[in-house]
Structure formats: C-alpha cells, structure tokens
All heavy atoms as atom14 arrays in JSON, in Angstrom:
{
  "sequence": "SQQKIVLRTQLVDESSGKPLNVHQAFVLLRNKATGQEIIFVAEA",
  "atom14_mask": [
    [1, 1, 1, 1, 1, 1, 0, 0, 0, 0, 0, 0, 0, 0],
    [1, 1, 1, 1, 1, 1, 1, 1, 1, 0, 0, 0, 0, 0],
    [1, 1, 1, 1, 1, 1, 1, 1, 1, 0, 0, 0, 0, 0],
    [1, 1, 1, 1, 1, 1, 1, 1, 1, 0, 0, 0, 0, 0],
    [1, 1, 1, 1, 1, 1, 1, 1, 0, 0, 0, 0, 0, 0],
    [1, 1, 1, 1, 1, 1, 1, 0, 0, 0, 0, 0, 0, 0],
    [1, 1, 1, 1, 1, 1, 1, 1, 0, 0, 0, 0, 0, 0],
    [1, 1, 1, 1, 1, 1, 1, 1, 1, 1, 1, 0, 0, 0],
    [1, 1, 1, 1, 1, 1, 1, 0, 0, 0, 0, 0, 0, 0],
    [1, 1, 1, 1, 1, 1, 1, 1, 1, 0, 0, 0, 0, 0],
    [1, 1, 1, 1, 1, 1, 1, 1, 0, 0, 0, 0, 0, 0],
    [1, 1, 1, 1, 1, 1, 1, 0, 0, 0, 0, 0, 0, 0],
    [1, 1, 1, 1, 1, 1, 1, 1, 0, 0, 0, 0, 0, 0],
    [1, 1, 1, 1, 1, 1, 1, 1, 1, 0, 0, 0, 0, 0],
    [1, 1, 1, 1, 1, 1, 0, 0, 0, 0, 0, 0, 0, 0],
    [1, 1, 1, 1, 1, 1, 0, 0, 0, 0, 0, 0, 0, 0],
    [1, 1, 1, 1, 0, 0, 0, 0, 0, 0, 0, 0, 0, 0],
    [1, 1, 1, 1, 1, 1, 1, 1, 1, 0, 0, 0, 0, 0],
    [1, 1, 1, 1, 1, 1, 1, 0, 0, 0, 0, 0, 0, 0],
    [1, 1, 1, 1, 1, 1, 1, 1, 0, 0, 0, 0, 0, 0],
    [1, 1, 1, 1, 1, 1, 1, 1, 0, 0, 0, 0, 0, 0],
    [1, 1, 1, 1, 1, 1, 1, 0, 0, 0, 0, 0, 0, 0],
    [1, 1, 1, 1, 1, 1, 1, 1, 1, 1, 0, 0, 0, 0],
    [1, 1, 1, 1, 1, 1, 1, 1, 1, 0, 0, 0, 0, 0],
    [1, 1, 1, 1, 1, 0, 0, 0, 0, 0, 0, 0, 0, 0],
    [1, 1, 1, 1, 1, 1, 1, 1, 1, 1, 1, 0, 0, 0],
    [1, 1, 1, 1, 1, 1, 1, 0, 0, 0, 0, 0, 0, 0],
    [1, 1, 1, 1, 1, 1, 1, 1, 0, 0, 0, 0, 0, 0],
    [1, 1, 1, 1, 1, 1, 1, 1, 0, 0, 0, 0, 0, 0],
    [1, 1, 1, 1, 1, 1, 1, 1, 1, 1, 1, 0, 0, 0],
    [1, 1, 1, 1, 1, 1, 1, 1, 0, 0, 0, 0, 0, 0],
    [1, 1, 1, 1, 1, 1, 1, 1, 1, 0, 0, 0, 0, 0],
    [1, 1, 1, 1, 1, 0, 0, 0, 0, 0, 0, 0, 0, 0],
    [1, 1, 1, 1, 1, 1, 1, 0, 0, 0, 0, 0, 0, 0],
    [1, 1, 1, 1, 0, 0, 0, 0, 0, 0, 0, 0, 0, 0],
    [1, 1, 1, 1, 1, 1, 1, 1, 1, 0, 0, 0, 0, 0],
    [1, 1, 1, 1, 1, 1, 1, 1, 1, 0, 0, 0, 0, 0],
    [1, 1, 1, 1, 1, 1, 1, 1, 0, 0, 0, 0, 0, 0],
    [1, 1, 1, 1, 1, 1, 1, 1, 0, 0, 0, 0, 0, 0],
    [1, 1, 1, 1, 1, 1, 1, 1, 1, 1, 1, 0, 0, 0],
    [1, 1, 1, 1, 1, 1, 1, 0, 0, 0, 0, 0, 0, 0],
    [1, 1, 1, 1, 1, 0, 0, 0, 0, 0, 0, 0, 0, 0],
    [1, 1, 1, 1, 1, 1, 1, 1, 1, 0, 0, 0, 0, 0],
    [1, 1, 1, 1, 1, 0, 0, 0, 0, 0, 0, 0, 0, 0]
  ],
  "atom14_positions": [
    [[-20.32, 2.96, -2.92], [-20.21, 1.8, -3.8], [-20.04, 2.16, -5.27], [-19.77, 1.29, -6.09], [-21.45, 0.91, -3.63], [-22.62, 1.65, -3.93], [0.0, 0.0, 0.0], [0.0, 0.0, 0.0], [0.0, 0.0, 0.0], [0.0, 0.0, 0.0], [0.0, 0.0, 0.0], [0.0, 0.0, 0.0], [0.0, 0.0, 0.0], [0.0, 0.0, 0.0]],
    [[-20.19, 3.44, -5.62], [-20.0, 3.87, -7.0], [-18.6, 4.46, -7.22], [-18.31, 4.94, -8.32], [-21.06, 4.94, -7.35], [-22.5, 4.49, -7.17], [-22.86, 3.31, -8.05], [-22.44, 3.27, -9.21], [-23.6, 2.36, -7.51], [0.0, 0.0, 0.0], [0.0, 0.0, 0.0], [0.0, 0.0, 0.0], [0.0, 0.0, 0.0], [0.0, 0.0, 0.0]],
    [[-17.76, 4.39, -6.22], [-16.46, 5.03, -6.31], [-15.33, 4.02, -6.08], [-15.55, 2.86, -5.73], [-16.37, 6.17, -5.29], [-17.34, 7.33, -5.58], [-17.26, 8.4, -4.52], [-17.38, 8.12, -3.32], [-17.06, 9.64, -4.96], [0.0, 0.0, 0.0], [0.0, 0.0, 0.0], [0.0, 0.0, 0.0], [0.0, 0.0, 0.0], [0.0, 0.0, 0.0]],
    [[-14.12, 4.5, -6.27], [-12.93, 3.69, -6.04], [-11.93, 4.49, -5.21], [-11.93, 5.72, -5.23], [-12.3, 3.28, -7.37], [-11.83, 4.46, -8.23], [-11.28, 3.98, -9.56], [-10.87, 5.18, -10.44], [-10.35, 4.74, -11.77], [0.0, 0.0, 0.0], [0.0, 0.0, 0.0], [0.0, 0.0, 0.0], [0.0, 0.0, 0.0], [0.0, 0.0, 0.0]],
    [[-11.08, 3.74, -4.48], [-10.02, 4.34, -3.67], [-8.7, 4.05, -4.37], [-8.4, 2.9, -4.73], [-10.01, 3.77, -2.24], [-11.36, 4.01, -1.56], [-8.88, 4.35, -1.42], [-11.5, 3.32, -0.22], [0.0, 0.0, 0.0], [0.0, 0.0, 0.0], [0.0, 0.0, 0.0], [0.0, 0.0, 0.0], [0.0, 0.0, 0.0], [0.0, 0.0, 0.0]],
    [[-7.88, 5.06, -4.56], [-6.62, 4.93, -5.27], [-5.48, 5.42, -4.39], [-5.58, 6.48, -3.75], [-6.64, 5.74, -6.6], [-5.29, 5.62, -7.3], [-7.75, 5.25, -7.49], [0.0, 0.0, 0.0], [0.0, 0.0, 0.0], [0.0, 0.0, 0.0], [0.0, 0.0, 0.0], [0.0, 0.0, 0.0], [0.0, 0.0, 0.0], [0.0, 0.0, 0.0]],
    [[-4.4, 4.61, -4.32], [-3.2, 5.0, -3.58], [-2.0, 4.71, -4.46], [-1.89, 3.62, -5.05], [-3.11, 4.25, -2.26], [-1.92, 4.56, -1.33], [-2.33, 4.38, 0.13], [-0.72, 3.69, -1.63], [0.0, 0.0, 0.0], [0.0, 0.0, 0.0], [0.0, 0.0, 0.0], [0.0, 0.0, 0.0], [0.0, 0.0, 0.0], [0.0, 0.0, 0.0]],
    [[-1.07, 5.64, -4.54], [0.14, 5.46, -5.35], [1.32, 6.01, -4.57], [1.27, 7.12, -4.03], [0.01, 6.18, -6.68], [1.16, 5.94, -7.65], [0.93, 6.68, -8.96], [1.96, 6.37, -9.94], [3.14, 6.99, -10.02], [3.43, 7.96, -9.14], [4.02, 6.66, -10.94], [0.0, 0.0, 0.0], [0.0, 0.0, 0.0], [0.0, 0.0, 0.0]],
    [[2.41, 5.21, -4.5], [3.59, 5.64, -3.76], [4.85, 5.28, -4.52], [4.9, 4.24, -5.21], [3.62, 5.01, -2.35], [4.74, 5.51, -1.63], [3.72, 3.5, -2.42], [0.0, 0.0, 0.0], [0.0, 0.0, 0.0], [0.0, 0.0, 0.0], [0.0, 0.0, 0.0], [0.0, 0.0, 0.0], [0.0, 0.0, 0.0], [0.0, 0.0, 0.0]],
    [[5.86, 6.1, -4.35], [7.17, 5.86, -4.97], [8.17, 5.57, -3.87], [8.41, 6.39, -2.98], [7.63, 7.09, -5.76], [8.94, 6.91, -6.49], [8.79, 6.07, -7.75], [8.0, 6.38, -8.63], [9.55, 4.99, -7.83], [0.0, 0.0, 0.0], [0.0, 0.0, 0.0], [0.0, 0.0, 0.0], [0.0, 0.0, 0.0], [0.0, 0.0, 0.0]],
    [[8.76, 4.35, -3.91], [9.76, 3.94, -2.92], [11.13, 4.01, -3.57], [11.33, 3.51, -4.69], [9.49, 2.52, -2.42], [8.1, 2.27, -1.82], [7.95, 0.79, -1.47], [7.87, 3.14, -0.6], [0.0, 0.0, 0.0], [0.0, 0.0, 0.0], [0.0, 0.0, 0.0], [0.0, 0.0, 0.0], [0.0, 0.0, 0.0], [0.0, 0.0, 0.0]],
    [[12.1, 4.59, -2.87], [13.45, 4.72, -3.42], [14.46, 4.28, -2.37], [14.18, 4.22, -1.17], [13.74, 6.19, -3.84], [12.8, 6.63, -4.94], [13.66, 7.13, -2.65], [0.0, 0.0, 0.0], [0.0, 0.0, 0.0], [0.0, 0.0, 0.0], [0.0, 0.0, 0.0], [0.0, 0.0, 0.0], [0.0, 0.0, 0.0], [0.0, 0.0, 0.0]],
    [[15.67, 3.95, -2.88], [16.79, 3.62, -2.0], [17.31, 4.92, -1.4], [17.59, 5.88, -2.11], [17.89, 2.92, -2.8], [18.96, 2.33, -1.9], [19.54, 3.1, -1.11], [19.22, 1.13, -1.99], [0.0, 0.0, 0.0], [0.0, 0.0, 0.0], [0.0, 0.0, 0.0], [0.0, 0.0, 0.0], [0.0, 0.0, 0.0], [0.0, 0.0, 0.0]],
    [[17.46, 4.94, -0.08], [17.86, 6.17, 0.6], [19.23, 6.65, 0.18], [19.49, 7.86, 0.07], [17.82, 5.96, 2.11], [18.03, 7.23, 2.92], [17.97, 6.98, 4.41], [18.99, 6.54, 4.97], [16.89, 7.22, 5.0], [0.0, 0.0, 0.0], [0.0, 0.0, 0.0], [0.0, 0.0, 0.0], [0.0, 0.0, 0.0], [0.0, 0.0, 0.0]],
    [[20.14, 5.71, -0.08], [21.51, 6.12, -0.4], [21.67, 6.54, -1.86], [22.35, 7.51, -2.16], [22.49, 4.97, -0.1], [22.14, 3.82, -0.85], [0.0, 0.0, 0.0], [0.0, 0.0, 0.0], [0.0, 0.0, 0.0], [0.0, 0.0, 0.0], [0.0, 0.0, 0.0], [0.0, 0.0, 0.0], [0.0, 0.0, 0.0], [0.0, 0.0, 0.0]],
    [[21.01, 5.84, -2.78], [21.19, 6.13, -4.21], [20.05, 6.96, -4.79], [20.22, 7.59, -5.83], [21.32, 4.83, -4.99], [20.11, 4.08, -4.92], [0.0, 0.0, 0.0], [0.0, 0.0, 0.0], [0.0, 0.0, 0.0], [0.0, 0.0, 0.0], [0.0, 0.0, 0.0], [0.0, 0.0, 0.0], [0.0, 0.0, 0.0], [0.0, 0.0, 0.0]],
    [[18.9, 6.95, -4.16], [17.75, 7.67, -4.68], [17.07, 6.99, -5.85], [16.13, 7.53, -6.43], [0.0, 0.0, 0.0], [0.0, 0.0, 0.0], [0.0, 0.0, 0.0], [0.0, 0.0, 0.0], [0.0, 0.0, 0.0], [0.0, 0.0, 0.0], [0.0, 0.0, 0.0], [0.0, 0.0, 0.0], [0.0, 0.0, 0.0], [0.0, 0.0, 0.0]],
    [[17.47, 5.77, -6.16], [16.88, 5.03, -7.28], [15.6, 4.32, -6.83], [15.49, 3.92, -5.66], [17.87, 4.02, -7.83], [19.11, 4.65, -8.45], [20.05, 3.57, -8.97], [21.29, 4.19, -9.6], [22.24, 3.15, -10.1], [0.0, 0.0, 0.0], [0.0, 0.0, 0.0], [0.0, 0.0, 0.0], [0.0, 0.0, 0.0], [0.0, 0.0, 0.0]],
    [[14.63, 4.17, -7.76], [13.4, 3.43, -7.4], [13.73, 2.04, -6.88], [14.66, 1.38, -7.36], [12.63, 3.39, -8.72], [13.13, 4.55, -9.49], [14.57, 4.7, -9.13], [0.0, 0.0, 0.0], [0.0, 0.0, 0.0], [0.0, 0.0, 0.0], [0.0, 0.0, 0.0], [0.0, 0.0, 0.0], [0.0, 0.0, 0.0], [0.0, 0.0, 0.0]],
    [[12.94, 1.62, -5.92], [13.24, 0.37, -5.21], [12.07, -0.6, -5.32], [10.92, -0.21, -5.14], [13.5, 0.69, -3.73], [14.11, -0.39, -2.85], [15.51, -0.71, -3.3], [14.13, 0.09, -1.4], [0.0, 0.0, 0.0], [0.0, 0.0, 0.0], [0.0, 0.0, 0.0], [0.0, 0.0, 0.0], [0.0, 0.0, 0.0], [0.0, 0.0, 0.0]],
    [[12.38, -1.83, -5.65], [11.39, -2.91, -5.61], [11.52, -3.66, -4.28], [12.64, -4.02, -3.89], [11.59, -3.88, -6.77], [11.12, -3.31, -8.08], [10.2, -2.5, -8.12], [11.77, -3.7, -9.17], [0.0, 0.0, 0.0], [0.0, 0.0, 0.0], [0.0, 0.0, 0.0], [0.0, 0.0, 0.0], [0.0, 0.0, 0.0], [0.0, 0.0, 0.0]],
    [[10.43, -3.88, -3.61], [10.46, -4.57, -2.32], [9.68, -5.87, -2.42], [8.85, -6.06, -3.31], [9.86, -3.68, -1.2], [10.74, -2.46, -0.97], [8.44, -3.28, -1.53], [0.0, 0.0, 0.0], [0.0, 0.0, 0.0], [0.0, 0.0, 0.0], [0.0, 0.0, 0.0], [0.0, 0.0, 0.0], [0.0, 0.0, 0.0], [0.0, 0.0, 0.0]],
    [[9.97, -6.77, -1.49], [9.29, -8.07, -1.47], [7.84, -7.95, -1.07], [6.98, -8.67, -1.57], [10.01, -9.03, -0.51], [11.38, -9.4, -0.96], [12.36, -9.86, -0.1], [11.95, -9.38, -2.18], [13.46, -10.11, -0.77], [13.25, -9.82, -2.03], [0.0, 0.0, 0.0], [0.0, 0.0, 0.0], [0.0, 0.0, 0.0], [0.0, 0.0, 0.0]],
    [[7.55, -7.05, -0.16], [6.2, -6.94, 0.37], [5.75, -5.49, 0.38], [6.41, -4.64, 0.98], [6.15, -7.49, 1.81], [6.51, -8.96, 1.92], [6.62, -9.41, 3.36], [6.83, -8.6, 4.26], [6.46, -10.7, 3.59], [0.0, 0.0, 0.0], [0.0, 0.0, 0.0], [0.0, 0.0, 0.0], [0.0, 0.0, 0.0], [0.0, 0.0, 0.0]],
    [[4.64, -5.23, -0.32], [4.01, -3.91, -0.29], [2.5, -4.15, -0.19], [1.87, -4.6, -1.15], [4.36, -3.1, -1.53], [0.0, 0.0, 0.0], [0.0, 0.0, 0.0], [0.0, 0.0, 0.0], [0.0, 0.0, 0.0], [0.0, 0.0, 0.0], [0.0, 0.0, 0.0], [0.0, 0.0, 0.0], [0.0, 0.0, 0.0], [0.0, 0.0, 0.0]],
    [[1.95, -3.88, 0.99], [0.54, -4.18, 1.25], [-0.2, -2.92, 1.68], [0.4, -2.0, 2.26], [0.39, -5.23, 2.35], [1.05, -6.54, 2.06], [1.92, -7.12, 2.96], [0.79, -7.21, 0.88], [2.53, -8.33, 2.7], [1.39, -8.43, 0.6], [2.26, -8.98, 1.51], [0.0, 0.0, 0.0], [0.0, 0.0, 0.0], [0.0, 0.0, 0.0]],
    [[-1.5, -2.91, 1.39], [-2.38, -1.85, 1.9], [-3.42, -2.53, 2.8], [-4.12, -3.44, 2.36], [-3.07, -1.09, 0.75], [-4.07, -0.09, 1.32], [-2.03, -0.38, -0.11], [0.0, 0.0, 0.0], [0.0, 0.0, 0.0], [0.0, 0.0, 0.0], [0.0, 0.0, 0.0], [0.0, 0.0, 0.0], [0.0, 0.0, 0.0], [0.0, 0.0, 0.0]],
    [[-3.47, -2.11, 4.05], [-4.36, -2.72, 5.04], [-5.49, -1.75, 5.36], [-5.24, -0.58, 5.66], [-3.57, -3.07, 6.3], [-4.35, -3.75, 7.44], [-3.43, -4.7, 8.2], [-4.93, -2.73, 8.43], [0.0, 0.0, 0.0], [0.0, 0.0, 0.0], [0.0, 0.0, 0.0], [0.0, 0.0, 0.0], [0.0, 0.0, 0.0], [0.0, 0.0, 0.0]],
    [[-6.71, -2.24, 5.29], [-7.89, -1.45, 5.71], [-8.48, -2.1, 6.96], [-8.76, -3.31, 6.96], [-8.94, -1.41, 4.59], [-8.69, -0.35, 3.49], [-7.65, -0.86, 2.51], [-9.98, -0.02, 2.75], [0.0, 0.0, 0.0], [0.0, 0.0, 0.0], [0.0, 0.0, 0.0], [0.0, 0.0, 0.0], [0.0, 0.0, 0.0], [0.0, 0.0, 0.0]],
    [[-8.65, -1.3, 8.0], [-9.15, -1.82, 9.27], [-10.38, -1.02, 9.68], [-10.35, 0.22, 9.73], [-8.09, -1.72, 10.35], [-8.58, -2.23, 11.72], [-7.6, -1.98, 12.83], [-6.38, -2.75, 12.68], [-5.2, -2.23, 12.36], [-5.09, -0.92, 12.15], [-4.14, -2.99, 12.24], [0.0, 0.0, 0.0], [0.0, 0.0, 0.0], [0.0, 0.0, 0.0]],
    [[-11.47, -1.73, 9.99], [-12.69, -1.09, 10.48], [-12.43, -0.58, 11.89], [-12.12, -1.36, 12.8], [-13.85, -2.1, 10.47], [-15.19, -1.45, 10.75], [-15.35, -0.7, 11.71], [-16.16, -1.74, 9.9], [0.0, 0.0, 0.0], [0.0, 0.0, 0.0], [0.0, 0.0, 0.0], [0.0, 0.0, 0.0], [0.0, 0.0, 0.0], [0.0, 0.0, 0.0]],
    [[-12.56, 0.7, 12.09], [-12.2, 1.29, 13.38], [-13.2, 0.94, 14.47], [-12.87, 1.02, 15.66], [-12.1, 2.81, 13.24], [-11.04, 3.25, 12.23], [-10.83, 4.75, 12.2], [-10.02, 5.2, 13.39], [-9.62, 6.62, 13.29], [0.0, 0.0, 0.0], [0.0, 0.0, 0.0], [0.0, 0.0, 0.0], [0.0, 0.0, 0.0], [0.0, 0.0, 0.0]],
    [[-14.37, 0.5, 14.09], [-15.38, 0.14, 15.09], [-15.26, -1.32, 15.5], [-15.32, -1.64, 16.69], [-16.78, 0.42, 14.54], [0.0, 0.0, 0.0], [0.0, 0.0, 0.0], [0.0, 0.0, 0.0], [0.0, 0.0, 0.0], [0.0, 0.0, 0.0], [0.0, 0.0, 0.0], [0.0, 0.0, 0.0], [0.0, 0.0, 0.0], [0.0, 0.0, 0.0]],
    [[-15.08, -2.19, 14.54], [-15.06, -3.64, 14.82], [-13.66, -4.23, 14.85], [-13.47, -5.34, 15.36], [-15.89, -4.39, 13.78], [-15.26, -4.25, 12.48], [-17.3, -3.85, 13.69], [0.0, 0.0, 0.0], [0.0, 0.0, 0.0], [0.0, 0.0, 0.0], [0.0, 0.0, 0.0], [0.0, 0.0, 0.0], [0.0, 0.0, 0.0], [0.0, 0.0, 0.0]],
    [[-12.69, -3.53, 14.28], [-11.32, -4.07, 14.22], [-11.11, -5.05, 13.09], [-10.02, -5.61, 12.96], [0.0, 0.0, 0.0], [0.0, 0.0, 0.0], [0.0, 0.0, 0.0], [0.0, 0.0, 0.0], [0.0, 0.0, 0.0], [0.0, 0.0, 0.0], [0.0, 0.0, 0.0], [0.0, 0.0, 0.0], [0.0, 0.0, 0.0], [0.0, 0.0, 0.0]],
    [[-12.14, -5.28, 12.27], [-12.01, -6.21, 11.15], [-10.97, -5.67, 10.16], [-10.95, -4.48, 9.84], [-13.35, -6.39, 10.45], [-13.3, -7.28, 9.22], [-14.6, -7.27, 8.44], [-15.54, -6.59, 8.84], [-14.64, -7.99, 7.33], [0.0, 0.0, 0.0], [0.0, 0.0, 0.0], [0.0, 0.0, 0.0], [0.0, 0.0, 0.0], [0.0, 0.0, 0.0]],
    [[-10.09, -6.56, 9.66], [-9.02, -6.15, 8.76], [-9.13, -6.89, 7.43], [-9.57, -8.04, 7.38], [-7.65, -6.45, 9.37], [-7.34, -5.67, 10.62], [-5.97, -6.01, 11.19], [-5.35, -6.97, 10.68], [-5.52, -5.31, 12.12], [0.0, 0.0, 0.0], [0.0, 0.0, 0.0], [0.0, 0.0, 0.0], [0.0, 0.0, 0.0], [0.0, 0.0, 0.0]],
    [[-8.7, -6.21, 6.37], [-8.57, -6.85, 5.07], [-7.35, -6.25, 4.4], [-7.11, -5.03, 4.48], [-9.84, -6.66, 4.21], [-9.7, -7.42, 2.89], [-10.15, -5.21, 3.97], [-11.0, -7.57, 2.14], [0.0, 0.0, 0.0], [0.0, 0.0, 0.0], [0.0, 0.0, 0.0], [0.0, 0.0, 0.0], [0.0, 0.0, 0.0], [0.0, 0.0, 0.0]],
    [[-6.52, -7.09, 3.78], [-5.23, -6.68, 3.23], [-5.24, -6.88, 1.72], [-5.67, -7.92, 1.22], [-4.08, -7.46, 3.88], [-4.02, -7.16, 5.38], [-2.75, -7.11, 3.23], [-2.96, -7.94, 6.12], [0.0, 0.0, 0.0], [0.0, 0.0, 0.0], [0.0, 0.0, 0.0], [0.0, 0.0, 0.0], [0.0, 0.0, 0.0], [0.0, 0.0, 0.0]],
    [[-4.72, -5.9, 1.0], [-4.58, -5.94, -0.45], [-3.1, -5.79, -0.81], [-2.33, -5.16, -0.07], [-5.39, -4.83, -1.12], [-6.87, -4.92, -0.86], [-7.45, -4.24, 0.21], [-7.69, -5.7, -1.67], [-8.81, -4.32, 0.46], [-9.06, -5.78, -1.42], [-9.61, -5.09, -0.36], [0.0, 0.0, 0.0], [0.0, 0.0, 0.0], [0.0, 0.0, 0.0]],
    [[-2.72, -6.34, -1.95], [-1.35, -6.24, -2.44], [-1.23, -5.02, -3.34], [-2.05, -4.83, -4.26], [-0.93, -7.51, -3.21], [0.48, -7.37, -3.75], [-1.03, -8.73, -2.31], [0.0, 0.0, 0.0], [0.0, 0.0, 0.0], [0.0, 0.0, 0.0], [0.0, 0.0, 0.0], [0.0, 0.0, 0.0], [0.0, 0.0, 0.0], [0.0, 0.0, 0.0]],
    [[-0.21, -4.21, -3.1], [0.09, -3.08, -3.98], [1.06, -3.55, -5.05], [2.11, -4.12, -4.73], [0.69, -1.93, -3.18], [0.0, 0.0, 0.0], [0.0, 0.0, 0.0], [0.0, 0.0, 0.0], [0.0, 0.0, 0.0], [0.0, 0.0, 0.0], [0.0, 0.0, 0.0], [0.0, 0.0, 0.0], [0.0, 0.0, 0.0], [0.0, 0.0, 0.0]],
    [[0.69, -3.34, -6.31], [1.5, -3.82, -7.42], [2.35, -2.68, -7.99], [1.94, -1.52, -8.01], [0.59, -4.38, -8.53], [-0.3, -5.52, -8.08], [0.45, -6.82, -7.88], [1.66, -6.85, -8.21], [-0.16, -7.78, -7.38], [0.0, 0.0, 0.0], [0.0, 0.0, 0.0], [0.0, 0.0, 0.0], [0.0, 0.0, 0.0], [0.0, 0.0, 0.0]],
    [[3.57, -3.05, -8.46], [4.45, -2.07, -9.08], [4.05, -1.86, -10.53], [3.76, -2.83, -11.26], [5.89, -2.54, -8.99], [0.0, 0.0, 0.0], [0.0, 0.0, 0.0], [0.0, 0.0, 0.0], [0.0, 0.0, 0.0], [0.0, 0.0, 0.0], [0.0, 0.0, 0.0], [0.0, 0.0, 0.0], [0.0, 0.0, 0.0], [0.0, 0.0, 0.0]]
  ]
}
C-alpha cells in the first residue's frame, strides 16, 4: 500500500514506424484466485 505500479509502452505503426494513437488502451488487473477484474485506462 506504500508503493505504486507503473507501466509504459510505445505503440507504433508497423509500416511507417511512427508513434500510433489508438482508440482503446487499457490495463486489466485480474485476481488469480477469485477472478475479480478491474480495468484502468492508459493515457498517452
């Protein structure tokens, strides 16, 4: 509870290699014991 989880990713167009903005970029955390899920939005 005193820490934070950080994830950072770079998405690019396969043909041009330029950074890509997408409509949906989510991070899903699922409890492996109960199956409970919670979804967060990843912001650019």
